């Protein structure tokens, strides 16, 4: 079960939320972290900021 208070999501969290395999979740995390790094943000390998992830999922 995913805790609402988590700041960073792991590959298992992303896989659960998107109903994809863990390897695909890692690929998504790498893509999002590359975007964040290009913006000058600090990134942690294998984890993604929860708020950024959720914002990317929601329609404009």
Protein backbone atom coordinates (compact mmCIF):
# COMPACT_ATOMS: atom_id res chain seq x y z
CA UNK A 1 0.00 0.00 0.00
CA UNK A 2 1.34 3.39 -0.99
CA UNK A 3 1.74 5.90 1.83
CA UNK A 4 0.45 9.37 1.00
CA UNK A 5 3.22 11.02 2.99
CA UNK A 6 6.09 9.68 0.85
CA UNK A 7 8.08 12.44 -0.84
CA UNK A 8 9.98 10.12 -3.16
CA UNK A 9 8.52 7.16 -5.04
CA UNK A 10 10.43 3.96 -5.73
CA UNK A 11 10.16 1.76 -8.81
CA UNK A 12 7.81 -0.53 -6.90
CA UNK A 13 5.54 2.44 -6.11
CA UNK A 14 5.53 3.61 -9.74
CA UNK A 15 4.88 0.07 -10.98
CA UNK A 16 1.94 -0.28 -8.62
CA UNK A 17 0.44 3.09 -9.55
CA UNK A 18 0.74 2.56 -13.31
CA UNK A 19 0.18 -1.22 -13.29
CA UNK A 20 3.40 -1.88 -15.19
CA UNK A 21 6.39 -4.12 -14.60
CA UNK A 22 9.22 -2.94 -12.40
CA UNK A 23 11.64 -2.66 -15.33
CA UNK A 24 9.25 -0.26 -17.09
CA UNK A 25 8.88 1.73 -13.87
CA UNK A 26 12.67 2.16 -13.73
CA UNK A 27 12.65 3.44 -17.32
CA UNK A 28 9.96 5.98 -16.44
CA UNK A 29 11.91 7.11 -13.39
CA UNK A 30 15.06 7.55 -15.50
CA UNK A 31 13.12 9.71 -17.98
CA UNK A 32 11.57 11.89 -15.29
CA UNK A 33 14.87 12.24 -13.45
CA UNK A 34 16.57 13.34 -16.67
CA UNK A 35 13.94 16.08 -17.02
CA UNK A 36 14.45 17.16 -13.41
CA UNK A 37 18.24 17.13 -13.77
CA UNK A 38 17.98 19.34 -16.87
CA UNK A 39 16.07 21.82 -14.69
CA UNK A 40 18.96 21.81 -12.22
CA UNK A 41 17.15 19.74 -9.59
CA UNK A 42 18.78 17.13 -7.38
CA UNK A 43 17.78 13.59 -8.34
CA UNK A 44 18.20 10.24 -6.64
CA UNK A 45 18.77 7.21 -8.83
CA UNK A 46 15.87 4.78 -8.64
CA UNK A 47 13.52 7.31 -7.04
CA UNK A 48 11.37 10.14 -8.34
CA UNK A 49 9.74 13.09 -6.63
CA UNK A 50 6.12 12.19 -5.90
CA UNK A 51 4.67 15.62 -6.74
CA UNK A 52 6.54 15.84 -10.06
CA UNK A 53 5.41 12.32 -10.98
CA UNK A 54 1.76 13.05 -10.20
CA UNK A 55 1.87 16.35 -12.09
CA UNK A 56 3.20 14.54 -15.17
CA UNK A 57 0.30 12.09 -14.99
CA UNK A 58 -2.46 14.65 -14.80
CA UNK A 59 -3.81 16.18 -18.03
CA UNK A 60 -2.95 19.85 -18.74
